[in-house]
Amino acid sequence: MDTEHMQLYVTDMVKCRQNVAQASQQIVEALETVGFLYIENVDGFDFDQLFKACQWMFGQPQAVKDKITRNHWNPNNKNVLRGYFPVVPGEVSHKEGFDFTGTFNPNDPDIHPSM
């Protein structure tokens, strides 16, 4: 991959609704080649509200975040795919976050606990 001229994929949610198959293909391509994409035109999205929610969430005491930490980092918790994840020393990402997803079938062969 030519990282000097990397293409940033832009996904327009209005256009996604018009051609779901094409949008899905483009999203998969973006995530498999670049690893991320930019999403625009999301109905009801309020950046300021999201930023305030993030400040609140990540400003919580560690004891609160530990209760919702993914099982990978807190074996006492059952949540495998959803939940808080901490900054891990030595990791290249240097980020903390909160993974969330829709409902899924735990017997789906494409769902793996390591995800």
PDB file of N, CA and C in Angstrom:
ATOM      1  N   MET A   1       0.851  -1.181   0.000  1.00  0.00           N
ATOM      2  CA  MET A   1       0.000   0.000   0.000  1.00  0.00           C
ATOM      3  C   MET A   1       0.894   1.241   0.000  1.00  0.00           C
ATOM      4  N   ASP A   2       0.562   2.193  -0.823  1.00  0.00           N
ATOM      5  CA  ASP A   2       1.303   3.451  -0.920  1.00  0.00           C
ATOM      6  C   ASP A   2       0.802   4.381   0.181  1.00  0.00           C
ATOM      7  N   THR A   3       1.492   4.407   1.325  1.00  0.00           N
ATOM      8  CA  THR A   3       1.024   5.210   2.458  1.00  0.00           C
ATOM      9  C   THR A   3       1.231   6.697   2.233  1.00  0.00           C
ATOM     10  N   GLU A   4       2.078   7.042   1.269  1.00  0.00           N
ATOM     11  CA  GLU A   4       2.304   8.456   0.983  1.00  0.00           C
ATOM     12  C   GLU A   4       1.081   9.087   0.324  1.00  0.00           C
ATOM     13  N   HIS A   5       0.313   8.286  -0.403  1.00  0.00           N
ATOM     14  CA  HIS A   5      -0.869   8.784  -1.110  1.00  0.00           C
ATOM     15  C   HIS A   5      -2.086   7.938  -0.761  1.00  0.00           C
ATOM     16  N   MET A   6      -2.260   7.643   0.516  1.00  0.00           N
ATOM     17  CA  MET A   6      -3.359   6.808   0.963  1.00  0.00           C
ATOM     18  C   MET A   6      -4.698   7.507   0.746  1.00  0.00           C
ATOM     19  N   GLN A   7      -5.651   6.761   0.247  1.00  0.00           N
ATOM     20  CA  GLN A   7      -6.991   7.289   0.010  1.00  0.00           C
ATOM     21  C   GLN A   7      -7.825   7.153   1.272  1.00  0.00           C
ATOM     22  N   LEU A   8      -8.475   8.231   1.668  1.00  0.00           N
ATOM     23  CA  LEU A   8      -9.400   8.177   2.788  1.00  0.00           C
ATOM     24  C   LEU A   8     -10.785   7.895   2.216  1.00  0.00           C
ATOM     25  N   TYR A   9     -11.340   6.778   2.596  1.00  0.00           N
ATOM     26  CA  TYR A   9     -12.671   6.424   2.129  1.00  0.00           C
ATOM     27  C   TYR A   9     -13.699   7.262   2.881  1.00  0.00           C
ATOM     28  N   VAL A  10     -14.654   7.801   2.138  1.00  0.00           N
ATOM     29  CA  VAL A  10     -15.737   8.592   2.715  1.00  0.00           C
ATOM     30  C   VAL A  10     -17.042   7.859   2.433  1.00  0.00           C
ATOM     31  N   THR A  11     -17.785   7.564   3.486  1.00  0.00           N
ATOM     32  CA  THR A  11     -19.057   6.883   3.347  1.00  0.00           C
ATOM     33  C   THR A  11     -20.169   7.864   3.661  1.00  0.00           C
ATOM     34  N   ASP A  12     -20.999   8.119   2.669  1.00  0.00           N
ATOM     35  CA  ASP A  12     -22.135   9.028   2.795  1.00  0.00           C
ATOM     36  C   ASP A  12     -23.365   8.180   3.122  1.00  0.00           C
ATOM     37  N   MET A  13     -23.915   8.344   4.316  1.00  0.00           N
ATOM     38  CA  MET A  13     -25.029   7.507   4.751  1.00  0.00           C
ATOM     39  C   MET A  13     -26.281   7.680   3.891  1.00  0.00           C
ATOM     40  N   VAL A  14     -26.468   8.848   3.302  1.00  0.00           N
ATOM     41  CA  VAL A  14     -27.618   9.042   2.410  1.00  0.00           C
ATOM     42  C   VAL A  14     -27.457   8.147   1.183  1.00  0.00           C
ATOM     43  N   LYS A  15     -26.256   8.127   0.613  1.00  0.00           N
ATOM     44  CA  LYS A  15     -25.994   7.286  -0.564  1.00  0.00           C
ATOM     45  C   LYS A  15     -26.030   5.799  -0.199  1.00  0.00           C
ATOM     46  N   CYS A  16     -25.642   5.469   1.027  1.00  0.00           N
ATOM     47  CA  CYS A  16     -25.680   4.068   1.464  1.00  0.00           C
ATOM     48  C   CYS A  16     -27.095   3.513   1.394  1.00  0.00           C
ATOM     49  N   ARG A  17     -28.044   4.317   1.769  1.00  0.00           N
ATOM     50  CA  ARG A  17     -29.438   3.866   1.745  1.00  0.00           C
ATOM     51  C   ARG A  17     -29.937   3.656   0.324  1.00  0.00           C
ATOM     52  N   GLN A  18     -29.344   4.341  -0.628  1.00  0.00           N
ATOM     53  CA  GLN A  18     -29.774   4.225  -2.023  1.00  0.00           C
ATOM     54  C   GLN A  18     -29.240   2.955  -2.677  1.00  0.00           C
ATOM     55  N   ASN A  19     -28.053   2.491  -2.268  1.00  0.00           N
ATOM     56  CA  ASN A  19     -27.465   1.285  -2.849  1.00  0.00           C
ATOM     57  C   ASN A  19     -26.670   0.562  -1.751  1.00  0.00           C
ATOM     58  N   VAL A  20     -27.394  -0.219  -0.969  1.00  0.00           N
ATOM     59  CA  VAL A  20     -26.808  -0.877   0.196  1.00  0.00           C
ATOM     60  C   VAL A  20     -25.696  -1.851  -0.206  1.00  0.00           C
ATOM     61  N   ALA A  21     -25.902  -2.615  -1.275  1.00  0.00           N
ATOM     62  CA  ALA A  21     -24.896  -3.601  -1.696  1.00  0.00           C
ATOM     63  C   ALA A  21     -23.583  -2.915  -2.076  1.00  0.00           C
ATOM     64  N   GLN A  22     -23.669  -1.853  -2.851  1.00  0.00           N
ATOM     65  CA  GLN A  22     -22.457  -1.137  -3.267  1.00  0.00           C
ATOM     66  C   GLN A  22     -21.778  -0.493  -2.061  1.00  0.00           C
ATOM     67  N   ALA A  23     -22.568   0.110  -1.181  1.00  0.00           N
ATOM     68  CA  ALA A  23     -22.006   0.761   0.013  1.00  0.00           C
ATOM     69  C   ALA A  23     -21.313  -0.275   0.897  1.00  0.00           C
ATOM     70  N   SER A  24     -21.929  -1.426   1.063  1.00  0.00           N
ATOM     71  CA  SER A  24     -21.341  -2.481   1.892  1.00  0.00           C
ATOM     72  C   SER A  24     -19.998  -2.917   1.336  1.00  0.00           C
ATOM     73  N   GLN A  25     -19.924  -3.076   0.026  1.00  0.00           N
ATOM     74  CA  GLN A  25     -18.680  -3.484  -0.626  1.00  0.00           C
ATOM     75  C   GLN A  25     -17.591  -2.429  -0.407  1.00  0.00           C
ATOM     76  N   GLN A  26     -17.947  -1.167  -0.530  1.00  0.00           N
ATOM     77  CA  GLN A  26     -16.974  -0.087  -0.346  1.00  0.00           C
ATOM     78  C   GLN A  26     -16.498   0.001   1.102  1.00  0.00           C
ATOM     79  N   ILE A  27     -17.398  -0.220   2.047  1.00  0.00           N
ATOM     80  CA  ILE A  27     -17.031  -0.182   3.464  1.00  0.00           C
ATOM     81  C   ILE A  27     -16.055  -1.313   3.790  1.00  0.00           C
ATOM     82  N   VAL A  28     -16.347  -2.506   3.306  1.00  0.00           N
ATOM     83  CA  VAL A  28     -15.456  -3.645   3.539  1.00  0.00           C
ATOM     84  C   VAL A  28     -14.086  -3.364   2.923  1.00  0.00           C
ATOM     85  N   GLU A  29     -14.055  -2.835   1.705  1.00  0.00           N
ATOM     86  CA  GLU A  29     -12.789  -2.517   1.049  1.00  0.00           C
ATOM     87  C   GLU A  29     -11.993  -1.502   1.876  1.00  0.00           C
ATOM     88  N   ALA A  30     -12.675  -0.480   2.366  1.00  0.00           N
ATOM     89  CA  ALA A  30     -11.997   0.544   3.167  1.00  0.00           C
ATOM     90  C   ALA A  30     -11.403  -0.052   4.431  1.00  0.00           C
ATOM     91  N   LEU A  31     -12.169  -0.870   5.116  1.00  0.00           N
ATOM     92  CA  LEU A  31     -11.698  -1.436   6.381  1.00  0.00           C
ATOM     93  C   LEU A  31     -10.609  -2.481   6.178  1.00  0.00           C
ATOM     94  N   GLU A  32     -10.657  -3.187   5.045  1.00  0.00           N
ATOM     95  CA  GLU A  32      -9.631  -4.197   4.783  1.00  0.00           C
ATOM     96  C   GLU A  32      -8.336  -3.605   4.237  1.00  0.00           C
ATOM     97  N   THR A  33      -8.411  -2.448   3.585  1.00  0.00           N
ATOM     98  CA  THR A  33      -7.206  -1.879   2.983  1.00  0.00           C
ATOM     99  C   THR A  33      -6.606  -0.757   3.808  1.00  0.00           C
ATOM    100  N   VAL A  34      -7.425   0.185   4.245  1.00  0.00           N
ATOM    101  CA  VAL A  34      -6.929   1.332   5.008  1.00  0.00           C
ATOM    102  C   VAL A  34      -7.084   1.091   6.510  1.00  0.00           C
ATOM    103  N   GLY A  35      -8.171   0.467   6.909  1.00  0.00           N
ATOM    104  CA  GLY A  35      -8.391   0.175   8.321  1.00  0.00           C
ATOM    105  C   GLY A  35      -9.380   1.100   8.996  1.00  0.00           C
ATOM    106  N   PHE A  36      -9.803   2.136   8.316  1.00  0.00           N
ATOM    107  CA  PHE A  36     -10.802   3.048   8.862  1.00  0.00           C
ATOM    108  C   PHE A  36     -11.431   3.810   7.709  1.00  0.00           C
ATOM    109  N   LEU A  37     -12.481   4.553   8.019  1.00  0.00           N
ATOM    110  CA  LEU A  37     -13.143   5.368   7.009  1.00  0.00           C
ATOM    111  C   LEU A  37     -13.829   6.541   7.688  1.00  0.00           C
ATOM    112  N   TYR A  38     -14.230   7.505   6.892  1.00  0.00           N
ATOM    113  CA  TYR A  38     -14.927   8.689   7.384  1.00  0.00           C
ATOM    114  C   TYR A  38     -16.396   8.536   7.014  1.00  0.00           C
ATOM    115  N   ILE A  39     -17.282   8.719   7.972  1.00  0.00           N
ATOM    116  CA  ILE A  39     -18.720   8.601   7.722  1.00  0.00           C
ATOM    117  C   ILE A  39     -19.341   9.981   7.833  1.00  0.00           C
ATOM    118  N   GLU A  40     -20.131  10.344   6.826  1.00  0.00           N
ATOM    119  CA  GLU A  40     -20.790  11.655   6.836  1.00  0.00           C
ATOM    120  C   GLU A  40     -22.288  11.505   6.570  1.00  0.00           C
ATOM    121  N   ASN A  41     -23.004  12.581   6.832  1.00  0.00           N
ATOM    122  CA  ASN A  41     -24.463  12.653   6.626  1.00  0.00           C
ATOM    123  C   ASN A  41     -25.232  11.618   7.443  1.00  0.00           C
ATOM    124  N   VAL A  42     -24.906  11.536   8.734  1.00  0.00           N
ATOM    125  CA  VAL A  42     -25.607  10.634   9.640  1.00  0.00           C
ATOM    126  C   VAL A  42     -26.769  11.404  10.248  1.00  0.00           C
ATOM    127  N   ASP A  43     -27.988  10.921  10.002  1.00  0.00           N
ATOM    128  CA  ASP A  43     -29.180  11.590  10.525  1.00  0.00           C
ATOM    129  C   ASP A  43     -29.112  11.729  12.038  1.00  0.00           C
ATOM    130  N   GLY A  44     -29.337  12.922  12.533  1.00  0.00           N
ATOM    131  CA  GLY A  44     -29.422  13.160  13.965  1.00  0.00           C
ATOM    132  C   GLY A  44     -28.096  13.213  14.698  1.00  0.00           C
ATOM    133  N   PHE A  45     -26.986  13.130  13.987  1.00  0.00           N
ATOM    134  CA  PHE A  45     -25.683  13.144  14.645  1.00  0.00           C
ATOM    135  C   PHE A  45     -25.385  14.549  15.171  1.00  0.00           C
ATOM    136  N   ASP A  46     -24.981  14.627  16.425  1.00  0.00           N
ATOM    137  CA  ASP A  46     -24.643  15.897  17.067  1.00  0.00           C
ATOM    138  C   ASP A  46     -23.248  15.748  17.682  1.00  0.00           C
ATOM    139  N   PHE A  47     -22.243  16.313  17.018  1.00  0.00           N
ATOM    140  CA  PHE A  47     -20.866  16.165  17.466  1.00  0.00           C
ATOM    141  C   PHE A  47     -20.682  16.666  18.894  1.00  0.00           C
ATOM    142  N   ASP A  48     -21.239  17.818  19.226  1.00  0.00           N
ATOM    143  CA  ASP A  48     -21.064  18.369  20.573  1.00  0.00           C
ATOM    144  C   ASP A  48     -21.641  17.440  21.639  1.00  0.00           C
ATOM    145  N   GLN A  49     -22.787  16.863  21.351  1.00  0.00           N
ATOM    146  CA  GLN A  49     -23.393  15.932  22.296  1.00  0.00           C
ATOM    147  C   GLN A  49     -22.520  14.687  22.460  1.00  0.00           C
ATOM    148  N   LEU A  50     -21.977  14.173  21.359  1.00  0.00           N
ATOM    149  CA  LEU A  50     -21.087  13.016  21.430  1.00  0.00           C
ATOM    150  C   LEU A  50     -19.829  13.348  22.233  1.00  0.00           C
ATOM    151  N   PHE A  51     -19.246  14.513  21.998  1.00  0.00           N
ATOM    152  CA  PHE A  51     -18.038  14.911  22.704  1.00  0.00           C
ATOM    153  C   PHE A  51     -18.289  15.003  24.207  1.00  0.00           C
ATOM    154  N   LYS A  52     -19.424  15.577  24.607  1.00  0.00           N
ATOM    155  CA  LYS A  52     -19.760  15.667  26.033  1.00  0.00           C
ATOM    156  C   LYS A  52     -19.923  14.278  26.642  1.00  0.00           C
ATOM    157  N   ALA A  53     -20.558  13.370  25.896  1.00  0.00           N
ATOM    158  CA  ALA A  53     -20.748  12.005  26.393  1.00  0.00           C
ATOM    159  C   ALA A  53     -19.402  11.307  26.562  1.00  0.00           C
ATOM    160  N   CYS A  54     -18.484  11.528  25.623  1.00  0.00           N
ATOM    161  CA  CYS A  54     -17.145  10.927  25.724  1.00  0.00           C
ATOM    162  C   CYS A  54     -16.380  11.485  26.917  1.00  0.00           C
ATOM    163  N   GLN A  55     -16.466  12.789  27.122  1.00  0.00           N
ATOM    164  CA  GLN A  55     -15.793  13.393  28.273  1.00  0.00           C
ATOM    165  C   GLN A  55     -16.331  12.801  29.572  1.00  0.00           C
ATOM    166  N   TRP A  56     -17.648  12.625  29.639  1.00  0.00           N
ATOM    167  CA  TRP A  56     -18.258  12.043  30.831  1.00  0.00           C
ATOM    168  C   TRP A  56     -17.775  10.608  31.021  1.00  0.00           C
ATOM    169  N   MET A  57     -17.875   9.801  29.968  1.00  0.00           N
ATOM    170  CA  MET A  57     -17.521   8.381  30.064  1.00  0.00           C
ATOM    171  C   MET A  57     -16.069   8.189  30.476  1.00  0.00           C
ATOM    172  N   PHE A  58     -15.150   8.824  29.768  1.00  0.00           N
ATOM    173  CA  PHE A  58     -13.736   8.591  30.021  1.00  0.00           C
ATOM    174  C   PHE A  58     -13.226   9.367  31.228  1.00  0.00           C
ATOM    175  N   GLY A  59     -14.063  10.234  31.784  1.00  0.00           N
ATOM    176  CA  GLY A  59     -13.723  10.946  33.008  1.00  0.00           C
ATOM    177  C   GLY A  59     -14.154  10.212  34.266  1.00  0.00           C
ATOM    178  N   GLN A  60     -14.814   9.062  34.102  1.00  0.00           N
ATOM    179  CA  GLN A  60     -15.262   8.273  35.253  1.00  0.00           C
ATOM    180  C   GLN A  60     -14.058   7.678  35.986  1.00  0.00           C
ATOM    181  N   PRO A  61     -14.208   7.453  37.288  1.00  0.00           N
ATOM    182  CA  PRO A  61     -13.126   6.792  38.034  1.00  0.00           C
ATOM    183  C   PRO A  61     -12.856   5.398  37.447  1.00  0.00           C
ATOM    184  N   GLN A  62     -11.625   4.937  37.565  1.00  0.00           N
ATOM    185  CA  GLN A  62     -11.258   3.633  37.010  1.00  0.00           C
ATOM    186  C   GLN A  62     -12.134   2.518  37.571  1.00  0.00           C
ATOM    187  N   ALA A  63     -12.535   2.621  38.825  1.00  0.00           N
ATOM    188  CA  ALA A  63     -13.381   1.585  39.439  1.00  0.00           C
ATOM    189  C   ALA A  63     -14.711   1.447  38.701  1.00  0.00           C
ATOM    190  N   VAL A  64     -15.249   2.541  38.220  1.00  0.00           N
ATOM    191  CA  VAL A  64     -16.502   2.508  37.453  1.00  0.00           C
ATOM    192  C   VAL A  64     -16.250   1.859  36.092  1.00  0.00           C
ATOM    193  N   LYS A  65     -15.165   2.268  35.423  1.00  0.00           N
ATOM    194  CA  LYS A  65     -14.849   1.699  34.116  1.00  0.00           C
ATOM    195  C   LYS A  65     -14.529   0.209  34.220  1.00  0.00           C
ATOM    196  N   ASP A  66     -13.935  -0.212  35.328  1.00  0.00           N
ATOM    197  CA  ASP A  66     -13.618  -1.630  35.511  1.00  0.00           C
ATOM    198  C   ASP A  66     -14.868  -2.500  35.471  1.00  0.00           C
ATOM    199  N   LYS A  67     -15.987  -1.977  35.929  1.00  0.00           N
ATOM    200  CA  LYS A  67     -17.234  -2.750  35.958  1.00  0.00           C
ATOM    201  C   LYS A  67     -17.756  -3.059  34.558  1.00  0.00           C
ATOM    202  N   ILE A  68     -17.351  -2.252  33.562  1.00  0.00           N
ATOM    203  CA  ILE A  68     -17.822  -2.474  32.193  1.00  0.00           C
ATOM    204  C   ILE A  68     -16.679  -2.805  31.229  1.00  0.00           C
ATOM    205  N   THR A  69     -15.525  -3.128  31.789  1.00  0.00           N
ATOM    206  CA  THR A  69     -14.367  -3.487  30.973  1.00  0.00           C
ATOM    207  C   THR A  69     -14.601  -4.841  30.321  1.00  0.00           C
ATOM    208  N   ARG A  70     -14.170  -4.962  29.067  1.00  0.00           N
ATOM    209  CA  ARG A  70     -14.304  -6.220  28.341  1.00  0.00           C
ATOM    210  C   ARG A  70     -13.560  -7.335  29.050  1.00  0.00           C
ATOM    211  N   ASN A  71     -14.059  -8.537  28.876  1.00  0.00           N
ATOM    212  CA  ASN A  71     -13.515  -9.738  29.504  1.00  0.00           C
ATOM    213  C   ASN A  71     -12.029  -9.924  29.223  1.00  0.00           C
ATOM    214  N   HIS A  72     -11.571  -9.515  28.084  1.00  0.00           N
ATOM    215  CA  HIS A  72     -10.147  -9.651  27.725  1.00  0.00           C
ATOM    216  C   HIS A  72      -9.249  -8.973  28.759  1.00  0.00           C
ATOM    217  N   TRP A  73      -9.690  -7.851  29.313  1.00  0.00           N
ATOM    218  CA  TRP A  73      -8.895  -7.105  30.293  1.00  0.00           C
ATOM    219  C   TRP A  73      -9.381  -7.320  31.720  1.00  0.00           C
ATOM    220  N   ASN A  74     -10.612  -7.791  31.884  1.00  0.00           N
ATOM    221  CA  ASN A  74     -11.143  -8.072  33.214  1.00  0.00           C
ATOM    222  C   ASN A  74     -11.872  -9.414  33.170  1.00  0.00           C
ATOM    223  N   PRO A  75     -11.176 -10.514  33.498  1.00  0.00           N
ATOM    224  CA  PRO A  75     -11.768 -11.848  33.393  1.00  0.00           C
ATOM    225  C   PRO A  75     -13.007 -12.057  34.258  1.00  0.00           C
ATOM    226  N   ASN A  76     -13.258 -11.158  35.210  1.00  0.00           N
ATOM    227  CA  ASN A  76     -14.458 -11.277  36.040  1.00  0.00           C
ATOM    228  C   ASN A  76     -15.712 -10.856  35.295  1.00  0.00           C
ATOM    229  N   ASN A  77     -15.554 -10.162  34.178  1.00  0.00           N
ATOM    230  CA  ASN A  77     -16.697  -9.703  33.387  1.00  0.00           C
ATOM    231  C   ASN A  77     -16.987 -10.688  32.257  1.00  0.00           C
ATOM    232  N   LYS A  78     -18.264 -10.807  31.900  1.00  0.00           N
ATOM    233  CA  LYS A  78     -18.683 -11.746  30.857  1.00  0.00           C
ATOM    234  C   LYS A  78     -18.708 -11.110  29.464  1.00  0.00           C
ATOM    235  N   ASN A  79     -18.698  -9.785  29.382  1.00  0.00           N
ATOM    236  CA  ASN A  79     -18.828  -9.127  28.085  1.00  0.00           C
ATOM    237  C   ASN A  79     -17.562  -9.311  27.247  1.00  0.00           C
ATOM    238  N   VAL A  80     -17.721  -9.980  26.113  1.00  0.00           N
ATOM    239  CA  VAL A  80     -16.592 -10.288  25.240  1.00  0.00           C
ATOM    240  C   VAL A  80     -16.431  -9.225  24.161  1.00  0.00           C
ATOM    241  N   LEU A  81     -17.525  -8.864  23.502  1.00  0.00           N
ATOM    242  CA  LEU A  81     -17.442  -7.947  22.361  1.00  0.00           C
ATOM    243  C   LEU A  81     -17.754  -6.495  22.710  1.00  0.00           C
ATOM    244  N   ARG A  82     -18.406  -6.259  23.796  1.00  0.00           N
ATOM    245  CA  ARG A  82     -18.826  -4.901  24.138  1.00  0.00           C
ATOM    246  C   ARG A  82     -18.157  -4.463  25.429  1.00  0.00           C
ATOM    247  N   GLY A  83     -17.927  -3.148  25.533  1.00  0.00           N
ATOM    248  CA  GLY A  83     -17.444  -2.624  26.794  1.00  0.00           C
ATOM    249  C   GLY A  83     -16.200  -1.772  26.672  1.00  0.00           C
ATOM    250  N   TYR A  84     -15.777  -1.308  27.820  1.00  0.00           N
ATOM    251  CA  TYR A  84     -14.624  -0.425  27.942  1.00  0.00           C
ATOM    252  C   TYR A  84     -13.328  -1.202  27.704  1.00  0.00           C
ATOM    253  N   PHE A  85     -12.350  -0.537  27.087  1.00  0.00           N
ATOM    254  CA  PHE A  85     -10.997  -1.099  27.032  1.00  0.00           C
ATOM    255  C   PHE A  85     -10.002  -0.002  27.383  1.00  0.00           C
ATOM    256  N   PRO A  86      -8.974  -0.354  28.174  1.00  0.00           N
ATOM    257  CA  PRO A  86      -8.024   0.631  28.693  1.00  0.00           C
ATOM    258  C   PRO A  86      -6.865   0.901  27.738  1.00  0.00           C
ATOM    259  N   VAL A  87      -6.123   1.945  28.044  1.00  0.00           N
ATOM    260  CA  VAL A  87      -4.841   2.174  27.379  1.00  0.00           C
ATOM    261  C   VAL A  87      -3.914   1.060  27.860  1.00  0.00           C
ATOM    262  N   VAL A  88      -3.246   0.420  26.928  1.00  0.00           N
ATOM    263  CA  VAL A  88      -2.345  -0.682  27.279  1.00  0.00           C
ATOM    264  C   VAL A  88      -0.912  -0.229  27.018  1.00  0.00           C
ATOM    265  N   PRO A  89      -0.097  -0.152  28.067  1.00  0.00           N
ATOM    266  CA  PRO A  89       1.299   0.255  27.880  1.00  0.00           C
ATOM    267  C   PRO A  89       1.998  -0.626  26.844  1.00  0.00           C
ATOM    268  N   GLY A  90       2.729   0.016  25.954  1.00  0.00           N
ATOM    269  CA  GLY A  90       3.453  -0.714  24.921  1.00  0.00           C
ATOM    270  C   GLY A  90       2.671  -0.959  23.646  1.00  0.00           C
ATOM    271  N   GLU A  91       1.363  -0.764  23.678  1.00  0.00           N
ATOM    272  CA  GLU A  91       0.542  -0.917  22.477  1.00  0.00           C
ATOM    273  C   GLU A  91       0.734   0.308  21.596  1.00  0.00           C
ATOM    274  N   VAL A  92       0.666   0.121  20.294  1.00  0.00           N
ATOM    275  CA  VAL A  92       0.902   1.239  19.383  1.00  0.00           C
ATOM    276  C   VAL A  92      -0.272   2.214  19.317  1.00  0.00           C
ATOM    277  N   SER A  93      -1.479   1.786  19.685  1.00  0.00           N
ATOM    278  CA  SER A  93      -2.655   2.659  19.524  1.00  0.00           C
ATOM    279  C   SER A  93      -2.742   3.755  20.585  1.00  0.00           C
ATOM    280  N   HIS A  94      -2.278   3.496  21.796  1.00  0.00           N
ATOM    281  CA  HIS A  94      -2.334   4.479  22.893  1.00  0.00           C
ATOM    282  C   HIS A  94      -3.726   5.082  23.045  1.00  0.00           C
ATOM    283  N   LYS A  95      -4.741   4.234  23.069  1.00  0.00           N
ATOM    284  CA  LYS A  95      -6.100   4.754  23.200  1.00  0.00           C
ATOM    285  C   LYS A  95      -6.902   3.908  24.175  1.00  0.00           C
ATOM    286  N   GLU A  96      -7.875   4.567  24.771  1.00  0.00           N
ATOM    287  CA  GLU A  96      -8.880   3.842  25.518  1.00  0.00           C
ATOM    288  C   GLU A  96     -10.172   4.034  24.744  1.00  0.00           C
ATOM    289  N   GLY A  97     -11.106   3.135  24.937  1.00  0.00           N
ATOM    290  CA  GLY A  97     -12.331   3.244  24.164  1.00  0.00           C
ATOM    291  C   GLY A  97     -13.446   2.432  24.754  1.00  0.00           C
ATOM    292  N   PHE A  98     -14.540   2.441  24.029  1.00  0.00           N
ATOM    293  CA  PHE A  98     -15.714   1.659  24.405  1.00  0.00           C
ATOM    294  C   PHE A  98     -16.247   1.019  23.139  1.00  0.00           C
ATOM    295  N   ASP A  99     -16.177  -0.309  23.075  1.00  0.00           N
ATOM    296  CA  ASP A  99     -16.705  -1.040  21.924  1.00  0.00           C
ATOM    297  C   ASP A  99     -18.175  -1.323  22.141  1.00  0.00           C
ATOM    298  N   PHE A 100     -18.936  -1.130  21.086  1.00  0.00           N
ATOM    299  CA  PHE A 100     -20.346  -1.489  21.148  1.00  0.00           C
ATOM    300  C   PHE A 100     -20.749  -2.071  19.808  1.00  0.00           C
ATOM    301  N   THR A 101     -21.764  -2.880  19.837  1.00  0.00           N
ATOM    302  CA  THR A 101     -22.245  -3.526  18.624  1.00  0.00           C
ATOM    303  C   THR A 101     -23.716  -3.842  18.808  1.00  0.00           C
ATOM    304  N   GLY A 102     -24.356  -4.186  17.719  1.00  0.00           N
ATOM    305  CA  GLY A 102     -25.749  -4.612  17.792  1.00  0.00           C
ATOM    306  C   GLY A 102     -25.827  -6.013  18.359  1.00  0.00           C
ATOM    307  N   THR A 103     -27.024  -6.547  18.397  1.00  0.00           N
ATOM    308  CA  THR A 103     -27.175  -7.915  18.891  1.00  0.00           C
ATOM    309  C   THR A 103     -26.591  -8.875  17.868  1.00  0.00           C
ATOM    310  N   PHE A 104     -26.159 -10.021  18.331  1.00  0.00           N
ATOM    311  CA  PHE A 104     -25.564 -11.018  17.453  1.00  0.00           C
ATOM    312  C   PHE A 104     -25.865 -12.397  17.999  1.00  0.00           C
ATOM    313  N   ASN A 105     -25.758 -13.377  17.134  1.00  0.00           N
ATOM    314  CA  ASN A 105     -25.944 -14.769  17.513  1.00  0.00           C
ATOM    315  C   ASN A 105     -24.593 -15.308  17.982  1.00  0.00           C
ATOM    316  N   PRO A 106     -24.448 -15.684  19.244  1.00  0.00           N
ATOM    317  CA  PRO A 106     -23.155 -16.162  19.738  1.00  0.00           C
ATOM    318  C   PRO A 106     -22.691 -17.447  19.062  1.00  0.00           C
ATOM    319  N   ASN A 107     -23.589 -18.135  18.360  1.00  0.00           N
ATOM    320  CA  ASN A 107     -23.217 -19.363  17.643  1.00  0.00           C
ATOM    321  C   ASN A 107     -22.812 -19.086  16.191  1.00  0.00           C
ATOM    322  N   ASP A 108     -22.815 -17.820  15.799  1.00  0.00           N
ATOM    323  CA  ASP A 108     -22.412 -17.438  14.448  1.00  0.00           C
ATOM    324  C   ASP A 108     -20.947 -17.822  14.251  1.00  0.00           C
ATOM    325  N   PRO A 109     -20.620 -18.588  13.216  1.00  0.00           N
ATOM    326  CA  PRO A 109     -19.223 -19.006  13.026  1.00  0.00           C
ATOM    327  C   PRO A 109     -18.278 -17.846  12.710  1.00  0.00           C
ATOM    328  N   ASP A 110     -18.811 -16.692  12.343  1.00  0.00           N
ATOM    329  CA  ASP A 110     -17.962 -15.532  12.050  1.00  0.00           C
ATOM    330  C   ASP A 110     -17.668 -14.690  13.284  1.00  0.00           C
ATOM    331  N   ILE A 111     -18.262 -15.033  14.419  1.00  0.00           N
ATOM    332  CA  ILE A 111     -18.018 -14.301  15.671  1.00  0.00           C
ATOM    333  C   ILE A 111     -17.018 -15.112  16.495  1.00  0.00           C
ATOM    334  N   HIS A 112     -15.923 -14.477  16.848  1.00  0.00           N
ATOM    335  CA  HIS A 112     -14.878 -15.155  17.600  1.00  0.00           C
ATOM    336  C   HIS A 112     -14.621 -14.406  18.903  1.00  0.00           C
ATOM    337  N   PRO A 113     -14.412 -15.093  20.016  1.00  0.00           N
ATOM    338  CA  PRO A 113     -14.155 -14.426  21.299  1.00  0.00           C
ATOM    339  C   PRO A 113     -12.972 -13.482  21.288  1.00  0.00           C
ATOM    340  N   SER A 114     -12.042 -13.688  20.385  1.00  0.00           N
ATOM    341  CA  SER A 114     -10.862 -12.825  20.355  1.00  0.00           C
ATOM    342  C   SER A 114     -11.141 -11.486  19.697  1.00  0.00           C
ATOM    343  N   MET A 115     -12.308 -11.304  19.163  1.00  0.00           N
ATOM    344  CA  MET A 115     -12.629 -10.061  18.463  1.00  0.00           C
ATOM    345  C   MET A 115     -12.800  -8.928  19.449  1.00  0.00           C
TER     346      MET A 115
END
